Amino acid sequence: MARVAGKAQCMICDTEKNAVKCECCSKMFCHIHLSLHREELSQQLDEIEQNFDLFGETLTRKKNHPQQHSLIKQIDQWEKDSINKIQQKAEECRQLVFHHLTKHFTQIEDNFVELTN
């Protein structure tokens, strides 16, 4: 991670001391700030590992449950909406046919009664 480089300026405190070069970023640090730098790098690595794990879990969940994808949910909703519209239109057509049949049968019945008399 680091190697001794001799007297150089620390990137953090700008003092000229025995500095160590970080092999990860090639910056110079005094011994005090090198440990802080290592701690910071360690925290960043932990965060990267957590994000990596979270991404892996999310990917696995989405792969194992594709029916929960937002596009599938939109298709499901579109299907329900379409079925409802078709059912409503079919009911309107039934009512219209019933109305015309009733009117037509009433006329035939009236004509039949008139013819009978």
PDB file of N, CA and C in Angstrom:
ATOM      1  N   MET A   1       0.820  -1.192   0.000  1.00  0.00           N
ATOM      2  CA  MET A   1       0.000   0.000   0.000  1.00  0.00           C
ATOM      3  C   MET A   1       0.860   1.249   0.000  1.00  0.00           C
ATOM      4  N   ALA A   2       1.892   1.267   0.795  1.00  0.00           N
ATOM      5  CA  ALA A   2       2.704   2.482   0.877  1.00  0.00           C
ATOM      6  C   ALA A   2       4.170   2.094   0.948  1.00  0.00           C
ATOM      7  N   ARG A   3       5.010   3.028   0.518  1.00  0.00           N
ATOM      8  CA  ARG A   3       6.453   2.793   0.633  1.00  0.00           C
ATOM      9  C   ARG A   3       7.119   4.076   1.090  1.00  0.00           C
ATOM     10  N   VAL A   4       8.190   3.939   1.797  1.00  0.00           N
ATOM     11  CA  VAL A   4       8.890   5.102   2.333  1.00  0.00           C
ATOM     12  C   VAL A   4       9.578   5.817   1.187  1.00  0.00           C
ATOM     13  N   ALA A   5       9.461   7.145   1.176  1.00  0.00           N
ATOM     14  CA  ALA A   5      10.010   7.917   0.069  1.00  0.00           C
ATOM     15  C   ALA A   5      11.017   8.953   0.538  1.00  0.00           C
ATOM     16  N   GLY A   6      11.184   9.115   1.811  1.00  0.00           N
ATOM     17  CA  GLY A   6      12.106  10.130   2.308  1.00  0.00           C
ATOM     18  C   GLY A   6      11.389  11.426   2.596  1.00  0.00           C
ATOM     19  N   LYS A   7      12.162  12.528   2.701  1.00  0.00           N
ATOM     20  CA  LYS A   7      11.561  13.822   3.054  1.00  0.00           C
ATOM     21  C   LYS A   7      10.774  14.373   1.869  1.00  0.00           C
ATOM     22  N   ALA A   8       9.510  14.651   2.129  1.00  0.00           N
ATOM     23  CA  ALA A   8       8.626  15.229   1.108  1.00  0.00           C
ATOM     24  C   ALA A   8       7.468  15.876   1.834  1.00  0.00           C
ATOM     25  N   GLN A   9       6.640  16.609   1.093  1.00  0.00           N
ATOM     26  CA  GLN A   9       5.500  17.286   1.710  1.00  0.00           C
ATOM     27  C   GLN A   9       4.304  16.356   1.783  1.00  0.00           C
ATOM     28  N   CYS A  10       3.658  16.394   2.939  1.00  0.00           N
ATOM     29  CA  CYS A  10       2.430  15.632   3.150  1.00  0.00           C
ATOM     30  C   CYS A  10       1.300  16.329   2.391  1.00  0.00           C
ATOM     31  N   MET A  11       0.454  15.568   1.706  1.00  0.00           N
ATOM     32  CA  MET A  11      -0.668  16.119   0.928  1.00  0.00           C
ATOM     33  C   MET A  11      -1.703  16.817   1.820  1.00  0.00           C
ATOM     34  N   ILE A  12      -1.768  16.432   3.067  1.00  0.00           N
ATOM     35  CA  ILE A  12      -2.800  16.977   3.952  1.00  0.00           C
ATOM     36  C   ILE A  12      -2.289  18.164   4.763  1.00  0.00           C
ATOM     37  N   CYS A  13      -1.146  17.987   5.436  1.00  0.00           N
ATOM     38  CA  CYS A  13      -0.681  19.047   6.336  1.00  0.00           C
ATOM     39  C   CYS A  13       0.408  19.938   5.722  1.00  0.00           C
ATOM     40  N   ASP A  14       0.874  19.633   4.544  1.00  0.00           N
ATOM     41  CA  ASP A  14       1.888  20.418   3.828  1.00  0.00           C
ATOM     42  C   ASP A  14       3.202  20.603   4.585  1.00  0.00           C
ATOM     43  N   THR A  15       3.428  19.767   5.570  1.00  0.00           N
ATOM     44  CA  THR A  15       4.708  19.869   6.284  1.00  0.00           C
ATOM     45  C   THR A  15       5.701  18.916   5.637  1.00  0.00           C
ATOM     46  N   GLU A  16       6.946  19.328   5.689  1.00  0.00           N
ATOM     47  CA  GLU A  16       7.984  18.494   5.096  1.00  0.00           C
ATOM     48  C   GLU A  16       8.508  17.563   6.180  1.00  0.00           C
ATOM     49  N   LYS A  17       8.179  16.290   6.067  1.00  0.00           N
ATOM     50  CA  LYS A  17       8.571  15.273   7.043  1.00  0.00           C
ATOM     51  C   LYS A  17       8.994  14.038   6.266  1.00  0.00           C
ATOM     52  N   ASN A  18       9.307  13.015   6.990  1.00  0.00           N
ATOM     53  CA  ASN A  18       9.494  11.733   6.325  1.00  0.00           C
ATOM     54  C   ASN A  18       8.119  11.320   5.821  1.00  0.00           C
ATOM     55  N   ALA A  19       7.973  11.288   4.549  1.00  0.00           N
ATOM     56  CA  ALA A  19       6.672  11.003   3.955  1.00  0.00           C
ATOM     57  C   ALA A  19       6.688   9.623   3.309  1.00  0.00           C
ATOM     58  N   VAL A  20       5.496   9.115   3.165  1.00  0.00           N
ATOM     59  CA  VAL A  20       5.311   7.795   2.567  1.00  0.00           C
ATOM     60  C   VAL A  20       4.391   7.967   1.366  1.00  0.00           C
ATOM     61  N   LYS A  21       4.769   7.321   0.294  1.00  0.00           N
ATOM     62  CA  LYS A  21       3.958   7.412  -0.917  1.00  0.00           C
ATOM     63  C   LYS A  21       2.915   6.292  -0.912  1.00  0.00           C
ATOM     64  N   CYS A  22       1.675   6.696  -1.083  1.00  0.00           N
ATOM     65  CA  CYS A  22       0.583   5.712  -1.190  1.00  0.00           C
ATOM     66  C   CYS A  22       0.651   5.117  -2.591  1.00  0.00           C
ATOM     67  N   GLU A  23       0.760   3.797  -2.677  1.00  0.00           N
ATOM     68  CA  GLU A  23       0.864   3.147  -3.983  1.00  0.00           C
ATOM     69  C   GLU A  23      -0.477   3.118  -4.704  1.00  0.00           C
ATOM     70  N   CYS A  24      -1.567   3.350  -3.990  1.00  0.00           N
ATOM     71  CA  CYS A  24      -2.888   3.370  -4.628  1.00  0.00           C
ATOM     72  C   CYS A  24      -3.109   4.653  -5.411  1.00  0.00           C
ATOM     73  N   CYS A  25      -2.721   5.787  -4.814  1.00  0.00           N
ATOM     74  CA  CYS A  25      -3.004   7.076  -5.450  1.00  0.00           C
ATOM     75  C   CYS A  25      -1.733   7.874  -5.777  1.00  0.00           C
ATOM     76  N   SER A  26      -0.573   7.381  -5.377  1.00  0.00           N
ATOM     77  CA  SER A  26       0.733   8.013  -5.633  1.00  0.00           C
ATOM     78  C   SER A  26       0.901   9.360  -4.938  1.00  0.00           C
ATOM     79  N   LYS A  27       0.125   9.622  -3.916  1.00  0.00           N
ATOM     80  CA  LYS A  27       0.275  10.868  -3.155  1.00  0.00           C
ATOM     81  C   LYS A  27       1.145  10.603  -1.931  1.00  0.00           C
ATOM     82  N   MET A  28       1.782  11.692  -1.459  1.00  0.00           N
ATOM     83  CA  MET A  28       2.679  11.590  -0.315  1.00  0.00           C
ATOM     84  C   MET A  28       1.931  11.970   0.975  1.00  0.00           C
ATOM     85  N   PHE A  29       2.197  11.210   2.044  1.00  0.00           N
ATOM     86  CA  PHE A  29       1.562  11.460   3.336  1.00  0.00           C
ATOM     87  C   PHE A  29       2.574  11.266   4.447  1.00  0.00           C
ATOM     88  N   CYS A  30       2.428  12.096   5.489  1.00  0.00           N
ATOM     89  CA  CYS A  30       3.224  11.852   6.694  1.00  0.00           C
ATOM     90  C   CYS A  30       2.610  10.630   7.374  1.00  0.00           C
ATOM     91  N   HIS A  31       3.312  10.082   8.355  1.00  0.00           N
ATOM     92  CA  HIS A  31       2.843   8.847   9.006  1.00  0.00           C
ATOM     93  C   HIS A  31       1.480   9.040   9.668  1.00  0.00           C
ATOM     94  N   ILE A  32       1.249  10.201  10.232  1.00  0.00           N
ATOM     95  CA  ILE A  32      -0.039  10.466  10.892  1.00  0.00           C
ATOM     96  C   ILE A  32      -1.168  10.443   9.860  1.00  0.00           C
ATOM     97  N   HIS A  33      -0.967  11.158   8.773  1.00  0.00           N
ATOM     98  CA  HIS A  33      -2.032  11.263   7.777  1.00  0.00           C
ATOM     99  C   HIS A  33      -2.130  10.029   6.879  1.00  0.00           C
ATOM    100  N   LEU A  34      -1.061   9.254   6.815  1.00  0.00           N
ATOM    101  CA  LEU A  34      -1.135   8.014   6.042  1.00  0.00           C
ATOM    102  C   LEU A  34      -2.160   7.071   6.659  1.00  0.00           C
ATOM    103  N   SER A  35      -2.173   6.989   7.977  1.00  0.00           N
ATOM    104  CA  SER A  35      -3.152   6.109   8.624  1.00  0.00           C
ATOM    105  C   SER A  35      -4.575   6.624   8.396  1.00  0.00           C
ATOM    106  N   LEU A  36      -4.755   7.956   8.425  1.00  0.00           N
ATOM    107  CA  LEU A  36      -6.080   8.521   8.131  1.00  0.00           C
ATOM    108  C   LEU A  36      -6.464   8.219   6.678  1.00  0.00           C
ATOM    109  N   HIS A  37      -5.489   8.340   5.790  1.00  0.00           N
ATOM    110  CA  HIS A  37      -5.739   8.063   4.371  1.00  0.00           C
ATOM    111  C   HIS A  37      -6.127   6.595   4.177  1.00  0.00           C
ATOM    112  N   ARG A  38      -5.413   5.697   4.830  1.00  0.00           N
ATOM    113  CA  ARG A  38      -5.738   4.264   4.751  1.00  0.00           C
ATOM    114  C   ARG A  38      -7.140   3.996   5.277  1.00  0.00           C
ATOM    115  N   GLU A  39      -7.489   4.659   6.366  1.00  0.00           N
ATOM    116  CA  GLU A  39      -8.828   4.509   6.950  1.00  0.00           C
ATOM    117  C   GLU A  39      -9.898   4.988   5.959  1.00  0.00           C
ATOM    118  N   GLU A  40      -9.633   6.111   5.325  1.00  0.00           N
ATOM    119  CA  GLU A  40     -10.563   6.661   4.333  1.00  0.00           C
ATOM    120  C   GLU A  40     -10.716   5.697   3.152  1.00  0.00           C
ATOM    121  N   LEU A  41      -9.596   5.157   2.679  1.00  0.00           N
ATOM    122  CA  LEU A  41      -9.653   4.193   1.577  1.00  0.00           C
ATOM    123  C   LEU A  41     -10.417   2.930   1.997  1.00  0.00           C
ATOM    124  N   SER A  42     -10.194   2.520   3.224  1.00  0.00           N
ATOM    125  CA  SER A  42     -10.893   1.342   3.732  1.00  0.00           C
ATOM    126  C   SER A  42     -12.404   1.577   3.794  1.00  0.00           C
ATOM    127  N   GLN A  43     -12.810   2.768   4.235  1.00  0.00           N
ATOM    128  CA  GLN A  43     -14.237   3.110   4.277  1.00  0.00           C
ATOM    129  C   GLN A  43     -14.826   3.141   2.865  1.00  0.00           C
ATOM    130  N   GLN A  44     -14.081   3.693   1.928  1.00  0.00           N
ATOM    131  CA  GLN A  44     -14.552   3.736   0.544  1.00  0.00           C
ATOM    132  C   GLN A  44     -14.706   2.325  -0.027  1.00  0.00           C
ATOM    133  N   LEU A  45     -13.746   1.462   0.298  1.00  0.00           N
ATOM    134  CA  LEU A  45     -13.822   0.082  -0.168  1.00  0.00           C
ATOM    135  C   LEU A  45     -15.023  -0.629   0.454  1.00  0.00           C
ATOM    136  N   ASP A  46     -15.266  -0.393   1.752  1.00  0.00           N
ATOM    137  CA  ASP A  46     -16.435  -0.986   2.414  1.00  0.00           C
ATOM    138  C   ASP A  46     -17.729  -0.537   1.732  1.00  0.00           C
ATOM    139  N   GLU A  47     -17.789   0.734   1.396  1.00  0.00           N
ATOM    140  CA  GLU A  47     -18.987   1.266   0.737  1.00  0.00           C
ATOM    141  C   GLU A  47     -19.162   0.632  -0.651  1.00  0.00           C
ATOM    142  N   ILE A  48     -18.066   0.474  -1.370  1.00  0.00           N
ATOM    143  CA  ILE A  48     -18.118  -0.163  -2.687  1.00  0.00           C
ATOM    144  C   ILE A  48     -18.597  -1.610  -2.546  1.00  0.00           C
ATOM    145  N   GLU A  49     -18.080  -2.319  -1.543  1.00  0.00           N
ATOM    146  CA  GLU A  49     -18.484  -3.712  -1.321  1.00  0.00           C
ATOM    147  C   GLU A  49     -19.967  -3.799  -0.966  1.00  0.00           C
ATOM    148  N   GLN A  50     -20.450  -2.869  -0.130  1.00  0.00           N
ATOM    149  CA  GLN A  50     -21.875  -2.861   0.225  1.00  0.00           C
ATOM    150  C   GLN A  50     -22.734  -2.600  -1.010  1.00  0.00           C
ATOM    151  N   ASN A  51     -22.329  -1.631  -1.820  1.00  0.00           N
ATOM    152  CA  ASN A  51     -23.076  -1.332  -3.050  1.00  0.00           C
ATOM    153  C   ASN A  51     -23.043  -2.522  -4.004  1.00  0.00           C
ATOM    154  N   PHE A  52     -21.908  -3.193  -4.081  1.00  0.00           N
ATOM    155  CA  PHE A  52     -21.780  -4.373  -4.929  1.00  0.00           C
ATOM    156  C   PHE A  52     -22.730  -5.471  -4.463  1.00  0.00           C
ATOM    157  N   ASP A  53     -22.754  -5.717  -3.146  1.00  0.00           N
ATOM    158  CA  ASP A  53     -23.649  -6.734  -2.586  1.00  0.00           C
ATOM    159  C   ASP A  53     -25.115  -6.366  -2.832  1.00  0.00           C
ATOM    160  N   LEU A  54     -25.451  -5.107  -2.606  1.00  0.00           N
ATOM    161  CA  LEU A  54     -26.817  -4.635  -2.810  1.00  0.00           C
ATOM    162  C   LEU A  54     -27.223  -4.788  -4.277  1.00  0.00           C
ATOM    163  N   PHE A  55     -26.311  -4.442  -5.185  1.00  0.00           N
ATOM    164  CA  PHE A  55     -26.586  -4.598  -6.607  1.00  0.00           C
ATOM    165  C   PHE A  55     -26.820  -6.069  -6.950  1.00  0.00           C
ATOM    166  N   GLY A  56     -25.984  -6.948  -6.403  1.00  0.00           N
ATOM    167  CA  GLY A  56     -26.138  -8.389  -6.653  1.00  0.00           C
ATOM    168  C   GLY A  56     -27.473  -8.908  -6.151  1.00  0.00           C
ATOM    169  N   GLU A  57     -27.889  -8.471  -4.959  1.00  0.00           N
ATOM    170  CA  GLU A  57     -29.175  -8.883  -4.401  1.00  0.00           C
ATOM    171  C   GLU A  57     -30.330  -8.373  -5.265  1.00  0.00           C
ATOM    172  N   THR A  58     -30.235  -7.123  -5.683  1.00  0.00           N
ATOM    173  CA  THR A  58     -31.286  -6.529  -6.522  1.00  0.00           C
ATOM    174  C   THR A  58     -31.379  -7.259  -7.854  1.00  0.00           C
ATOM    175  N   LEU A  59     -30.235  -7.544  -8.458  1.00  0.00           N
ATOM    176  CA  LEU A  59     -30.202  -8.253  -9.730  1.00  0.00           C
ATOM    177  C   LEU A  59     -30.823  -9.641  -9.592  1.00  0.00           C
ATOM    178  N   THR A  60     -30.466 -10.362  -8.544  1.00  0.00           N
ATOM    179  CA  THR A  60     -31.008 -11.701  -8.314  1.00  0.00           C
ATOM    180  C   THR A  60     -32.516 -11.642  -8.100  1.00  0.00           C
ATOM    181  N   ARG A  61     -32.979 -10.676  -7.301  1.00  0.00           N
ATOM    182  CA  ARG A  61     -34.418 -10.533  -7.023  1.00  0.00           C
ATOM    183  C   ARG A  61     -35.182 -10.245  -8.306  1.00  0.00           C
ATOM    184  N   LYS A  62     -34.666  -9.330  -9.107  1.00  0.00           N
ATOM    185  CA  LYS A  62     -35.352  -8.964 -10.351  1.00  0.00           C
ATOM    186  C   LYS A  62     -35.325 -10.125 -11.344  1.00  0.00           C
ATOM    187  N   LYS A  63     -34.237 -10.881 -11.351  1.00  0.00           N
ATOM    188  CA  LYS A  63     -34.127 -12.026 -12.252  1.00  0.00           C
ATOM    189  C   LYS A  63     -35.090 -13.131 -11.834  1.00  0.00           C
ATOM    190  N   ASN A  64     -35.226 -13.354 -10.535  1.00  0.00           N
ATOM    191  CA  ASN A  64     -36.086 -14.424 -10.021  1.00  0.00           C
ATOM    192  C   ASN A  64     -37.565 -14.055 -10.005  1.00  0.00           C
ATOM    193  N   HIS A  65     -37.887 -12.771 -10.100  1.00  0.00           N
ATOM    194  CA  HIS A  65     -39.280 -12.322 -10.060  1.00  0.00           C
ATOM    195  C   HIS A  65     -39.564 -11.331 -11.190  1.00  0.00           C
ATOM    196  N   PRO A  66     -39.438 -11.780 -12.447  1.00  0.00           N
ATOM    197  CA  PRO A  66     -39.636 -10.847 -13.563  1.00  0.00           C
ATOM    198  C   PRO A  66     -41.071 -10.311 -13.638  1.00  0.00           C
ATOM    199  N   GLN A  67     -42.023 -11.046 -13.054  1.00  0.00           N
ATOM    200  CA  GLN A  67     -43.413 -10.592 -13.097  1.00  0.00           C
ATOM    201  C   GLN A  67     -43.628  -9.327 -12.268  1.00  0.00           C
ATOM    202  N   GLN A  68     -42.681  -8.952 -11.454  1.00  0.00           N
ATOM    203  CA  GLN A  68     -42.812  -7.738 -10.652  1.00  0.00           C
ATOM    204  C   GLN A  68     -42.140  -6.530 -11.319  1.00  0.00           C
ATOM    205  N   HIS A  69     -41.649  -6.714 -12.529  1.00  0.00           N
ATOM    206  CA  HIS A  69     -41.027  -5.599 -13.254  1.00  0.00           C
ATOM    207  C   HIS A  69     -42.101  -4.571 -13.582  1.00  0.00           C
ATOM    208  N   SER A  70     -41.752  -3.312 -13.575  1.00  0.00           N
ATOM    209  CA  SER A  70     -42.726  -2.239 -13.787  1.00  0.00           C
ATOM    210  C   SER A  70     -43.398  -2.335 -15.156  1.00  0.00           C
ATOM    211  N   LEU A  71     -42.692  -2.806 -16.169  1.00  0.00           N
ATOM    212  CA  LEU A  71     -43.319  -2.950 -17.489  1.00  0.00           C
ATOM    213  C   LEU A  71     -44.384  -4.037 -17.473  1.00  0.00           C
ATOM    214  N   ILE A  72     -44.129  -5.128 -16.767  1.00  0.00           N
ATOM    215  CA  ILE A  72     -45.120  -6.200 -16.649  1.00  0.00           C
ATOM    216  C   ILE A  72     -46.341  -5.683 -15.897  1.00  0.00           C
ATOM    217  N   LYS A  73     -46.120  -4.905 -14.848  1.00  0.00           N
ATOM    218  CA  LYS A  73     -47.237  -4.326 -14.098  1.00  0.00           C
ATOM    219  C   LYS A  73     -48.051  -3.380 -14.972  1.00  0.00           C
ATOM    220  N   GLN A  74     -47.386  -2.619 -15.832  1.00  0.00           N
ATOM    221  CA  GLN A  74     -48.104  -1.727 -16.748  1.00  0.00           C
ATOM    222  C   GLN A  74     -48.945  -2.529 -17.736  1.00  0.00           C
ATOM    223  N   ILE A  75     -48.396  -3.637 -18.244  1.00  0.00           N
ATOM    224  CA  ILE A  75     -49.153  -4.494 -19.162  1.00  0.00           C
ATOM    225  C   ILE A  75     -50.363  -5.088 -18.446  1.00  0.00           C
ATOM    226  N   ASP A  76     -50.162  -5.542 -17.210  1.00  0.00           N
ATOM    227  CA  ASP A  76     -51.277  -6.094 -16.426  1.00  0.00           C
ATOM    228  C   ASP A  76     -52.380  -5.060 -16.244  1.00  0.00           C
ATOM    229  N   GLN A  77     -52.003  -3.829 -15.943  1.00  0.00           N
ATOM    230  CA  GLN A  77     -52.986  -2.766 -15.750  1.00  0.00           C
ATOM    231  C   GLN A  77     -53.693  -2.446 -17.068  1.00  0.00           C
ATOM    232  N   TRP A  78     -52.943  -2.419 -18.159  1.00  0.00           N
ATOM    233  CA  TRP A  78     -53.525  -2.178 -19.476  1.00  0.00           C
ATOM    234  C   TRP A  78     -54.557  -3.268 -19.794  1.00  0.00           C
ATOM    235  N   GLU A  79     -54.210  -4.509 -19.469  1.00  0.00           N
ATOM    236  CA  GLU A  79     -55.128  -5.632 -19.710  1.00  0.00           C
ATOM    237  C   GLU A  79     -56.422  -5.452 -18.920  1.00  0.00           C
ATOM    238  N   LYS A  80     -56.310  -5.135 -17.641  1.00  0.00           N
ATOM    239  CA  LYS A  80     -57.497  -4.932 -16.799  1.00  0.00           C
ATOM    240  C   LYS A  80     -58.356  -3.782 -17.325  1.00  0.00           C
ATOM    241  N   ASP A  81     -57.702  -2.679 -17.663  1.00  0.00           N
ATOM    242  CA  ASP A  81     -58.435  -1.515 -18.181  1.00  0.00           C
ATOM    243  C   ASP A  81     -59.156  -1.871 -19.478  1.00  0.00           C
ATOM    244  N   SER A  82     -58.475  -2.611 -20.345  1.00  0.00           N
ATOM    245  CA  SER A  82     -59.070  -2.997 -21.631  1.00  0.00           C
ATOM    246  C   SER A  82     -60.280  -3.906 -21.417  1.00  0.00           C
ATOM    247  N   ILE A  83     -60.150  -4.872 -20.529  1.00  0.00           N
ATOM    248  CA  ILE A  83     -61.261  -5.785 -20.232  1.00  0.00           C
ATOM    249  C   ILE A  83     -62.445  -5.005 -19.682  1.00  0.00           C
ATOM    250  N   ASN A  84     -62.188  -4.067 -18.771  1.00  0.00           N
ATOM    251  CA  ASN A  84     -63.280  -3.252 -18.220  1.00  0.00           C
ATOM    252  C   ASN A  84     -63.984  -2.447 -19.305  1.00  0.00           C
ATOM    253  N   LYS A  85     -63.211  -1.845 -20.202  1.00  0.00           N
ATOM    254  CA  LYS A  85     -63.815  -1.060 -21.292  1.00  0.00           C
ATOM    255  C   LYS A  85     -64.661  -1.955 -22.193  1.00  0.00           C
ATOM    256  N   ILE A  86     -64.157  -3.155 -22.514  1.00  0.00           N
ATOM    257  CA  ILE A  86     -64.903  -4.086 -23.356  1.00  0.00           C
ATOM    258  C   ILE A  86     -66.197  -4.507 -22.665  1.00  0.00           C
ATOM    259  N   GLN A  87     -66.111  -4.813 -21.351  1.00  0.00           N
ATOM    260  CA  GLN A  87     -67.307  -5.208 -20.608  1.00  0.00           C
ATOM    261  C   GLN A  87     -68.329  -4.076 -20.565  1.00  0.00           C
ATOM    262  N   GLN A  88     -67.863  -2.848 -20.367  1.00  0.00           N
ATOM    263  CA  GLN A  88     -68.780  -1.705 -20.346  1.00  0.00           C
ATOM    264  C   GLN A  88     -69.452  -1.527 -21.703  1.00  0.00           C
ATOM    265  N   LYS A  89     -68.674  -1.614 -22.768  1.00  0.00           N
ATOM    266  CA  LYS A  89     -69.233  -1.450 -24.114  1.00  0.00           C
ATOM    267  C   LYS A  89     -70.212  -2.583 -24.419  1.00  0.00           C
ATOM    268  N   ALA A  90     -69.887  -3.810 -24.042  1.00  0.00           N
ATOM    269  CA  ALA A  90     -70.790  -4.943 -24.262  1.00  0.00           C
ATOM    270  C   ALA A  90     -72.108  -4.731 -23.522  1.00  0.00           C
ATOM    271  N   GLU A  91     -72.047  -4.221 -22.296  1.00  0.00           N
ATOM    272  CA  GLU A  91     -73.268  -3.955 -21.528  1.00  0.00           C
ATOM    273  C   GLU A  91     -74.101  -2.861 -22.191  1.00  0.00           C
ATOM    274  N   GLU A  92     -73.455  -1.818 -22.692  1.00  0.00           N
ATOM    275  CA  GLU A  92     -74.171  -0.759 -23.413  1.00  0.00           C
ATOM    276  C   GLU A  92     -74.873  -1.333 -24.643  1.00  0.00           C
ATOM    277  N   CYS A  93     -74.187  -2.205 -25.373  1.00  0.00           N
ATOM    278  CA  CYS A  93     -74.778  -2.817 -26.569  1.00  0.00           C
ATOM    279  C   CYS A  93     -75.959  -3.711 -26.198  1.00  0.00           C
ATOM    280  N   ARG A  94     -75.827  -4.487 -25.135  1.00  0.00           N
ATOM    281  CA  ARG A  94     -76.949  -5.321 -24.663  1.00  0.00           C
ATOM    282  C   ARG A  94     -78.169  -4.466 -24.358  1.00  0.00           C
ATOM    283  N   GLN A  95     -77.929  -3.385 -23.607  1.00  0.00           N
ATOM    284  CA  GLN A  95     -79.042  -2.512 -23.232  1.00  0.00           C
ATOM    285  C   GLN A  95     -79.697  -1.903 -24.473  1.00  0.00           C
ATOM    286  N   LEU A  96     -78.894  -1.522 -25.438  1.00  0.00           N
ATOM    287  CA  LEU A  96     -79.424  -0.953 -26.672  1.00  0.00           C
ATOM    288  C   LEU A  96     -80.258  -1.985 -27.430  1.00  0.00           C
ATOM    289  N   VAL A  97     -79.759  -3.219 -27.530  1.00  0.00           N
ATOM    290  CA  VAL A  97     -80.504  -4.292 -28.202  1.00  0.00           C
ATOM    291  C   VAL A  97     -81.792  -4.588 -27.433  1.00  0.00           C
ATOM    292  N   PHE A  98     -81.742  -4.674 -26.101  1.00  0.00           N
ATOM    293  CA  PHE A  98     -82.952  -4.915 -25.302  1.00  0.00           C
ATOM    294  C   PHE A  98     -83.987  -3.821 -25.566  1.00  0.00           C
ATOM    295  N   HIS A  99     -83.523  -2.603 -25.598  1.00  0.00           N
ATOM    296  CA  HIS A  99     -84.432  -1.475 -25.837  1.00  0.00           C
ATOM    297  C   HIS A  99     -85.112  -1.606 -27.197  1.00  0.00           C
ATOM    298  N   HIS A 100     -84.312  -1.875 -28.238  1.00  0.00           N
ATOM    299  CA  HIS A 100     -84.879  -2.001 -29.585  1.00  0.00           C
ATOM    300  C   HIS A 100     -85.777  -3.239 -29.707  1.00  0.00           C
ATOM    301  N   LEU A 101     -85.364  -4.355 -29.075  1.00  0.00           N
ATOM    302  CA  LEU A 101     -86.203  -5.556 -29.117  1.00  0.00           C
ATOM    303  C   LEU A 101     -87.545  -5.297 -28.442  1.00  0.00           C
ATOM    304  N   THR A 102     -87.497  -4.660 -27.282  1.00  0.00           N
ATOM    305  CA  THR A 102     -88.738  -4.362 -26.560  1.00  0.00           C
ATOM    306  C   THR A 102     -89.626  -3.468 -27.410  1.00  0.00           C
ATOM    307  N   LYS A 103     -89.059  -2.428 -27.997  1.00  0.00           N
ATOM    308  CA  LYS A 103     -89.816  -1.505 -28.850  1.00  0.00           C
ATOM    309  C   LYS A 103     -90.386  -2.250 -30.057  1.00  0.00           C
ATOM    310  N   HIS A 104     -89.559  -3.107 -30.682  1.00  0.00           N
ATOM    311  CA  HIS A 104     -89.987  -3.856 -31.857  1.00  0.00           C
ATOM    312  C   HIS A 104     -91.100  -4.842 -31.488  1.00  0.00           C
ATOM    313  N   PHE A 105     -90.924  -5.594 -30.403  1.00  0.00           N
ATOM    314  CA  PHE A 105     -91.949  -6.552 -29.989  1.00  0.00           C
ATOM    315  C   PHE A 105     -93.251  -5.842 -29.608  1.00  0.00           C
ATOM    316  N   THR A 106     -93.131  -4.684 -28.991  1.00  0.00           N
ATOM    317  CA  THR A 106     -94.319  -3.915 -28.635  1.00  0.00           C
ATOM    318  C   THR A 106     -95.068  -3.503 -29.899  1.00  0.00           C
ATOM    319  N   GLN A 107     -94.345  -3.063 -30.902  1.00  0.00           N
ATOM    320  CA  GLN A 107     -94.989  -2.684 -32.168  1.00  0.00           C
ATOM    321  C   GLN A 107     -95.665  -3.890 -32.826  1.00  0.00           C
ATOM    322  N   ILE A 108     -94.959  -5.020 -32.848  1.00  0.00           N
ATOM    323  CA  ILE A 108     -95.536  -6.242 -33.438  1.00  0.00           C
ATOM    324  C   ILE A 108     -96.782  -6.647 -32.660  1.00  0.00           C
ATOM    325  N   GLU A 109     -96.678  -6.585 -31.335  1.00  0.00           N
ATOM    326  CA  GLU A 109     -97.817  -6.949 -30.489  1.00  0.00           C
ATOM    327  C   GLU A 109     -99.001  -6.018 -30.749  1.00  0.00           C
ATOM    328  N   ASP A 110     -98.750  -4.714 -30.847  1.00  0.00           N
ATOM    329  CA  ASP A 110     -99.807  -3.749 -31.139  1.00  0.00           C
ATOM    330  C   ASP A 110    -100.437  -4.042 -32.500  1.00  0.00           C
ATOM    331  N   ASN A 111     -99.591  -4.333 -33.484  1.00  0.00           N
ATOM    332  CA  ASN A 111    -100.100  -4.678 -34.816  1.00  0.00           C
ATOM    333  C   ASN A 111    -100.902  -5.965 -34.767  1.00  0.00           C
ATOM    334  N   PHE A 112    -100.468  -6.931 -34.002  1.00  0.00           N
ATOM    335  CA  PHE A 112    -101.175  -8.188 -33.883  1.00  0.00           C
ATOM    336  C   PHE A 112    -102.543  -7.996 -33.246  1.00  0.00           C
ATOM    337  N   VAL A 113    -102.583  -7.174 -32.169  1.00  0.00           N
ATOM    338  CA  VAL A 113    -103.853  -6.891 -31.480  1.00  0.00           C
ATOM    339  C   VAL A 113    -104.787  -6.179 -32.444  1.00  0.00           C
ATOM    340  N   GLU A 114    -104.269  -5.220 -33.185  1.00  0.00           N
ATOM    341  CA  GLU A 114    -105.088  -4.465 -34.145  1.00  0.00           C
ATOM    342  C   GLU A 114    -105.623  -5.387 -35.243  1.00  0.00           C
ATOM    343  N   LEU A 115    -104.783  -6.267 -35.692  1.00  0.00           N
ATOM    344  CA  LEU A 115    -105.178  -7.213 -36.724  1.00  0.00           C
ATOM    345  C   LEU A 115    -106.233  -8.191 -36.211  1.00  0.00           C
ATOM    346  N   THR A 116    -106.098  -8.584 -34.956  1.00  0.00           N
ATOM    347  CA  THR A 116    -107.028  -9.529 -34.350  1.00  0.00           C
ATOM    348  C   THR A 116    -108.399  -8.898 -34.184  1.00  0.00           C
ATOM    349  N   ASN A 117    -108.433  -7.625 -33.820  1.00  0.00           N
ATOM    350  CA  ASN A 117    -109.715  -6.942 -33.605  1.00  0.00           C
ATOM    351  C   ASN A 117    -110.373  -6.750 -34.940  1.00  0.00           C
TER     352      ASN A 117
END
